[in-house]
Protein backbone atom coordinates (compact mmCIF):
# COMPACT_ATOMS: atom_id res chain seq x y z
CA MET A 1 -13.03 27.73 -4.83
CA SER A 2 -10.83 26.99 -0.97
CA ARG A 3 -8.77 23.62 -1.36
CA ILE A 4 -6.96 22.55 1.76
CA LEU A 5 -4.43 19.64 1.68
CA PHE A 6 -3.93 17.90 4.81
CA THR A 7 -0.61 16.04 4.93
CA ALA A 8 1.90 14.17 6.97
CA ALA A 9 5.52 13.69 6.18
CA GLY A 10 6.54 10.51 4.42
CA CYS A 11 3.25 9.70 3.32
CA ALA A 12 3.48 8.31 -0.11
CA ARG A 13 -0.01 8.98 -0.83
CA CYS A 14 0.31 12.15 -0.31
CA SER A 15 2.98 12.98 -2.99
CA ILE A 16 0.69 11.13 -5.06
CA VAL A 17 -2.23 13.14 -4.31
CA LYS A 18 0.34 16.27 -4.87
CA LYS A 19 1.98 15.08 -8.03
CA PHE A 20 -1.79 15.09 -9.27
CA MET A 21 -3.08 18.58 -8.54
CA ARG A 22 -0.04 20.28 -9.45
CA GLY A 23 0.12 18.13 -13.11
CA SER A 24 -3.57 18.57 -13.23
CA GLY A 25 -3.11 22.66 -12.37
CA ILE A 26 -5.61 22.62 -9.34
CA ALA A 27 -4.43 24.65 -6.71
CA PHE A 28 -4.59 24.03 -2.97
CA GLU A 29 -3.53 25.14 0.25
CA GLU A 30 -0.86 22.06 1.95
CA HIS A 31 -0.50 21.83 5.40
CA ASP A 32 1.41 19.53 7.17
CA VAL A 33 -0.57 18.07 10.64
CA GLY A 34 3.08 16.80 12.01
CA GLY A 35 5.16 20.49 11.42
CA ASP A 36 3.08 23.73 10.82
CA GLY A 37 -0.02 22.58 9.88
CA LYS A 38 -0.90 20.46 13.24
CA GLU A 39 -2.94 22.95 15.50
CA ARG A 40 -5.20 24.03 12.35
CA PHE A 41 -6.03 20.31 11.81
CA GLY A 42 -7.05 19.66 15.28
CA GLN A 43 -9.33 22.45 15.43
CA PHE A 44 -10.57 21.17 11.87
CA TYR A 45 -10.84 17.64 12.96
CA ARG A 46 -12.70 19.06 16.00
CA ALA A 47 -15.45 21.24 13.81
CA ASN A 48 -15.25 17.75 11.62
CA ARG A 49 -14.51 14.19 13.38
CA SER A 50 -18.37 12.65 11.79
CA ALA A 51 -17.15 13.14 8.27
CA ILE A 52 -12.64 11.74 8.99
CA PHE A 53 -12.31 8.54 9.03
CA ARG A 54 -10.03 6.90 12.08
CA GLY A 55 -8.62 3.73 12.14
CA ARG A 56 -6.20 1.11 14.08
CA ASP A 57 -3.68 3.08 13.25
CA GLY A 58 -4.82 6.48 13.30
CA ILE A 59 -5.85 9.25 10.27
CA GLU A 60 -5.73 8.02 7.01
CA PHE A 61 -3.56 10.92 4.56
CA PRO A 62 -4.57 12.22 2.70
CA VAL A 63 -7.88 14.58 3.88
CA LEU A 64 -9.21 17.28 1.02
CA ALA A 65 -11.10 19.88 2.95
CA GLU A 66 -12.55 21.40 -0.51
CA ASP A 67 -14.89 24.03 0.06
CA ALA A 68 -17.71 22.52 2.46
CA ALA A 69 -16.98 18.82 1.10
CA ILE A 70 -14.57 15.83 3.02
CA ARG A 71 -12.55 13.43 0.79
CA GLN A 72 -10.15 11.28 2.10
CA GLY A 73 -7.22 8.85 0.91
CA VAL A 74 -5.27 8.86 -1.92
CA ALA A 75 -8.27 7.22 -4.09
CA VAL A 76 -11.26 9.21 -3.46
CA ILE A 77 -9.22 12.43 -3.48
CA ILE A 78 -7.94 11.89 -7.30
CA GLY A 79 -10.94 10.18 -8.20
CA HIS A 80 -12.83 13.25 -6.88
CA LEU A 81 -10.41 15.78 -8.78
CA HIS A 82 -10.63 13.83 -11.75
CA ALA A 83 -14.35 13.39 -12.36
CA GLY A 84 -16.70 14.54 -9.59
CA THR A 85 -19.25 12.46 -8.43
CA ARG A 86 -19.48 10.68 -11.02
CA LEU A 87 -16.35 7.87 -9.76
CA ASP A 88 -18.65 8.02 -6.00
CA GLY A 89 -19.89 4.04 -6.33
CA PHE A 90 -16.88 2.31 -7.68
CA ILE A 91 -14.53 4.54 -5.32
CA GLY A 92 -14.60 4.66 -1.40
CA ARG A 93 -12.57 4.04 1.65
CA SER A 94 -9.49 2.09 0.99
CA GLY A 95 -8.46 -0.19 4.57
CA LEU A 96 -5.93 -1.50 2.59
CA SER A 97 -1.61 -0.07 3.37
CA LYS A 98 1.36 -1.33 2.60
CA GLY A 99 1.37 -0.13 -1.53
CA TRP A 100 -2.10 -1.58 -1.54
CA VAL A 101 -5.44 0.30 -2.50
CA GLY A 102 -8.85 -0.97 -2.03
CA GLY A 103 -12.62 0.49 -1.62
CA LEU A 104 -12.41 -0.13 -5.78
CA HIS A 105 -16.05 -1.45 -6.23
CA VAL A 106 -16.46 -2.47 -9.70
CA SER A 107 -20.02 -3.44 -9.15
CA GLY A 108 -20.86 -0.29 -7.56
CA GLY A 109 -20.69 2.49 -9.86
CA ASP A 110 -22.28 4.11 -13.65
CA PRO A 111 -20.68 1.96 -16.58
CA ALA A 112 -20.75 5.44 -18.32
CA ALA A 113 -18.01 6.98 -15.39
CA LYS A 114 -15.51 4.01 -17.27
CA ASP A 115 -13.22 6.16 -18.88
CA ALA A 116 -12.88 7.96 -15.97
CA LEU A 117 -11.89 5.20 -13.50
CA VAL A 118 -9.41 4.10 -16.03
CA ALA A 119 -7.62 7.25 -15.78
CA VAL A 120 -7.72 7.45 -11.73
CA LEU A 121 -6.72 3.83 -11.46
CA GLY A 122 -4.04 3.80 -14.69
CA PHE A 123 -2.39 7.41 -12.21
CA LEU A 124 -2.57 5.29 -9.49
CA LYS A 125 -0.84 1.91 -11.04
CA LYS A 126 1.51 4.00 -12.58
CA ASN A 127 2.47 5.90 -9.10
CA GLY A 128 3.17 2.59 -7.62
CA LEU A 129 0.22 1.54 -6.21
CA LYS A 130 -1.18 -1.81 -6.53
CA LEU A 131 -5.30 -2.00 -6.76
CA GLN A 132 -7.64 -4.24 -5.29
CA LEU A 133 -11.19 -4.44 -7.00
CA ASP A 134 -13.99 -6.23 -5.43
CA THR A 135 -17.35 -7.44 -7.07
CA ASP A 136 -20.50 -9.12 -6.53
CA GLY A 137 -20.85 -10.24 -10.10
CA ARG A 138 -22.56 -6.08 -11.53
CA ARG A 139 -20.58 -4.75 -14.05
CA ALA A 140 -18.48 -6.98 -15.79
CA SER A 141 -18.61 -4.85 -19.36
CA VAL A 142 -16.47 -2.76 -16.98
CA LEU A 143 -14.44 -6.19 -14.98
CA LYS A 144 -13.62 -5.85 -18.69
CA THR A 145 -12.06 -3.31 -19.32
CA LEU A 146 -9.76 -2.89 -16.25
CA LEU A 147 -7.78 -6.21 -17.33
CA GLU A 148 -7.20 -5.13 -20.48
CA GLN A 149 -5.34 -2.60 -19.05
CA GLY A 150 -3.60 -4.14 -16.73
CA LEU A 151 -5.66 -2.23 -14.18
CA GLY A 152 -5.81 -4.78 -10.99
CA ASP A 153 -3.50 -6.97 -8.98
CA ARG A 154 -6.21 -8.50 -7.11
CA VAL A 155 -10.13 -8.97 -7.12
CA ILE A 156 -12.27 -10.36 -5.00
CA MET A 157 -15.66 -11.15 -6.07
CA ASP A 158 -18.61 -12.16 -3.28
CA LEU A 159 -20.70 -14.24 -4.64
CA LYS A 160 -23.33 -13.79 -3.72
CA GLY A 161 -25.05 -17.72 -3.46
CA PRO A 162 -26.52 -19.38 -6.14
CA GLN A 163 -28.08 -18.07 -9.21
CA ALA A 164 -31.50 -18.75 -7.90
CA LEU A 165 -31.52 -16.63 -5.18
CA TYR A 166 -28.56 -14.31 -6.99
CA SER A 167 -31.05 -11.25 -7.70
CA ALA A 168 -32.88 -11.59 -3.60
CA LEU A 169 -29.59 -11.61 -2.74
CA VAL A 170 -28.27 -8.58 -4.32
CA GLY A 171 -31.81 -6.44 -4.22
CA GLU A 172 -31.93 -5.70 -7.91
CA ALA A 173 -32.43 -8.34 -11.06
CA ILE A 174 -29.43 -9.58 -12.25
CA ASP A 175 -28.54 -11.37 -15.08
CA ALA A 176 -27.12 -14.61 -14.46
CA GLY A 177 -25.08 -14.57 -17.17
CA GLU A 178 -22.89 -11.84 -16.11
CA VAL A 179 -22.43 -13.35 -12.70
CA LEU A 180 -21.53 -16.52 -14.94
CA ARG A 181 -18.85 -14.01 -17.23
CA THR A 182 -17.77 -12.53 -13.81
CA MET A 183 -16.68 -15.36 -12.52
CA GLN A 184 -14.50 -16.25 -15.17
CA LEU A 185 -13.21 -12.68 -15.34
CA VAL A 186 -12.18 -12.87 -12.18
CA THR A 187 -9.95 -16.54 -13.11
CA ARG A 188 -8.04 -14.38 -15.10
CA PHE A 189 -6.87 -11.37 -12.85
CA PRO A 190 -2.74 -12.08 -11.00
CA GLU A 191 -4.82 -12.61 -7.65
CA TYR A 192 -8.10 -13.31 -6.66
CA ARG A 193 -10.37 -15.22 -4.77
CA PHE A 194 -14.02 -15.87 -4.27
CA GLU A 195 -16.04 -15.69 -0.89
CA THR A 196 -19.54 -15.84 -0.16
CA THR A 197 -21.00 -14.67 3.50
CA VAL A 198 -23.44 -16.93 4.56
CA ALA A 199 -26.34 -13.81 5.05
CA PRO A 200 -29.95 -14.16 5.34
CA VAL A 201 -32.52 -13.94 2.36
CA ARG A 202 -35.96 -12.64 2.16
CA ARG A 203 -37.84 -15.71 0.89
CA PRO A 204 -41.17 -15.37 -1.57
CA GLY A 205 -44.60 -16.49 -0.64
CA GLY A 206 -44.92 -15.55 2.76
CA ASP A 207 -46.96 -12.90 4.14
CA PRO A 208 -44.69 -11.17 5.49
CA VAL A 209 -41.81 -12.63 4.07
CA ALA A 210 -40.13 -15.11 5.95
CA VAL A 211 -36.48 -14.12 6.33
CA SER A 212 -34.11 -17.31 6.25
CA TYR A 213 -29.97 -18.26 6.80
CA LEU A 214 -28.16 -19.04 3.12
CA THR A 215 -28.49 -23.40 3.67
CA PRO A 216 -25.99 -25.38 3.58
CA ALA A 217 -27.65 -26.93 -0.04
CA GLU A 218 -27.87 -23.44 -1.21
CA ILE A 219 -23.97 -22.99 -0.07
CA GLU A 220 -23.54 -26.11 -1.92
CA GLU A 221 -24.93 -24.93 -5.04
CA ALA A 222 -23.15 -21.24 -5.75
CA ALA A 223 -19.93 -23.75 -4.83
CA ARG A 224 -21.27 -26.13 -8.13
CA TRP A 225 -21.96 -22.60 -10.16
CA LEU A 226 -18.40 -21.14 -9.99
CA LYS A 227 -17.45 -24.83 -10.75
CA GLU A 228 -19.47 -25.05 -13.92
CA ALA A 229 -18.67 -21.72 -14.55
CA THR A 230 -14.95 -21.47 -13.83
CA GLY A 231 -13.84 -25.28 -15.15
CA SER A 232 -12.67 -25.69 -11.64
CA HIS A 233 -13.44 -27.73 -8.41
CA LYS A 234 -10.26 -26.19 -7.19
CA GLN A 235 -10.86 -22.25 -6.68
CA PRO A 236 -10.01 -20.32 -3.69
CA TYR A 237 -13.11 -20.26 -1.77
CA LEU A 238 -14.07 -18.49 1.59
CA LEU A 239 -17.13 -18.53 3.65
CA ARG A 240 -17.28 -15.73 6.07
CA PRO A 241 -20.15 -15.61 9.36
CA PHE A 242 -22.72 -13.07 8.95
CA ASP A 243 -23.21 -10.60 11.22
CA PRO A 244 -25.96 -8.63 11.45
CA GLN A 245 -24.94 -5.46 13.90
CA ALA A 246 -22.40 -5.14 10.82
CA CYS A 247 -25.48 -4.65 8.19
CA SER A 248 -26.61 -1.41 6.88
CA GLU A 249 -29.96 -3.03 6.23
CA ASP A 250 -31.63 -2.80 9.13
CA GLY A 251 -34.47 -4.91 7.98
CA PHE A 252 -31.51 -7.68 8.88
CA LYS A 253 -29.88 -6.02 12.36
CA SER A 254 -32.76 -8.25 14.83
CA VAL A 255 -31.49 -11.83 13.08
CA GLU A 256 -30.06 -13.67 15.31
CA ARG A 257 -26.18 -14.74 14.24
CA LEU A 258 -25.66 -18.30 13.24
CA PRO A 259 -23.37 -20.32 16.15
CA ALA A 260 -19.84 -19.99 15.81
CA ASN A 261 -18.93 -23.63 14.38
CA ALA A 262 -22.34 -23.73 12.42
CA LEU A 263 -19.56 -22.84 9.21
CA PHE A 264 -18.07 -26.21 9.33
CA ARG A 265 -22.03 -27.47 7.51
CA TYR A 266 -21.49 -25.26 5.37
CA ARG A 267 -17.88 -25.72 4.61
CA SER A 268 -18.38 -29.44 4.03
CA ALA A 269 -20.94 -29.08 2.06
CA ALA A 270 -19.18 -26.55 -0.40
CA ARG A 271 -16.14 -29.23 -0.37
CA LYS A 272 -18.53 -31.09 -2.76
CA HIS A 273 -17.61 -29.00 -5.32
CA GLN A 274 -15.11 -26.98 -4.37
CA VAL A 275 -12.29 -28.67 -2.28
CA LEU A 276 -10.30 -25.94 -1.31
CA THR A 277 -13.00 -24.18 0.75
CA GLU A 278 -12.41 -22.77 4.01
CA SER A 279 -14.17 -20.93 6.51
CA GLU A 280 -13.72 -17.17 8.34
CA ASN A 281 -14.08 -17.49 11.88
CA ALA A 282 -16.93 -15.72 13.56
CA PRO A 283 -15.47 -12.56 15.77
CA TRP A 284 -17.90 -13.00 18.26
């Protein structure tokens, strides 16, 4: 198997990946994109542009080319090398820098791969990286294990909405008790916050099924549930606007955006039960 690792000079995350590969006896060919490997990476990038993420700060390194597969970022690469595709649901693109690793989706993976996830996150933590986890209430047992292992410096919970609508918002049947346990676990991490996107939801009973935004009263119910689950009305709670164009679900792309000032009503409703509620300004 051919493995080519593209690295950048002074890249701490590149050094961590190389340390893992050497410690695991994984052979690879390294090319420094700022040195002798510049031309080779340029050719590689042009041939694989759609598969390589490039953000505002440029391309995230390291990048691993393993035969036909391309993996990018410290957590993604180490997760792949350690467990193949078994951690793909748990580990995605980070989007964080300055010592932080994100894209760690507690609710997205297979609980049967929990031990592999612990091993990968433990290696990242041991090598000086801080871990930001996210959850939507599913896989509470995985979150509990990460808490017990000290593998989570910050947790962001996507509290989808009120209990009565949670399954509809997540898109699958979900145990409300598991969401409640997750809320309680989140508050035990060093840093945490809760977020709710004021999103559209499919309302049952209509033909065709009606789609409408969560209402201020439903956001109030979500805030009440958070208070009851955690025993506190002073949790850090952020309301976010829904962006149809950024939504991956085609059925919601045609939904009209809420007015830019609409979140004030939602914030006022949520503050009846969570007094620290803030709203994020819409980007449009």
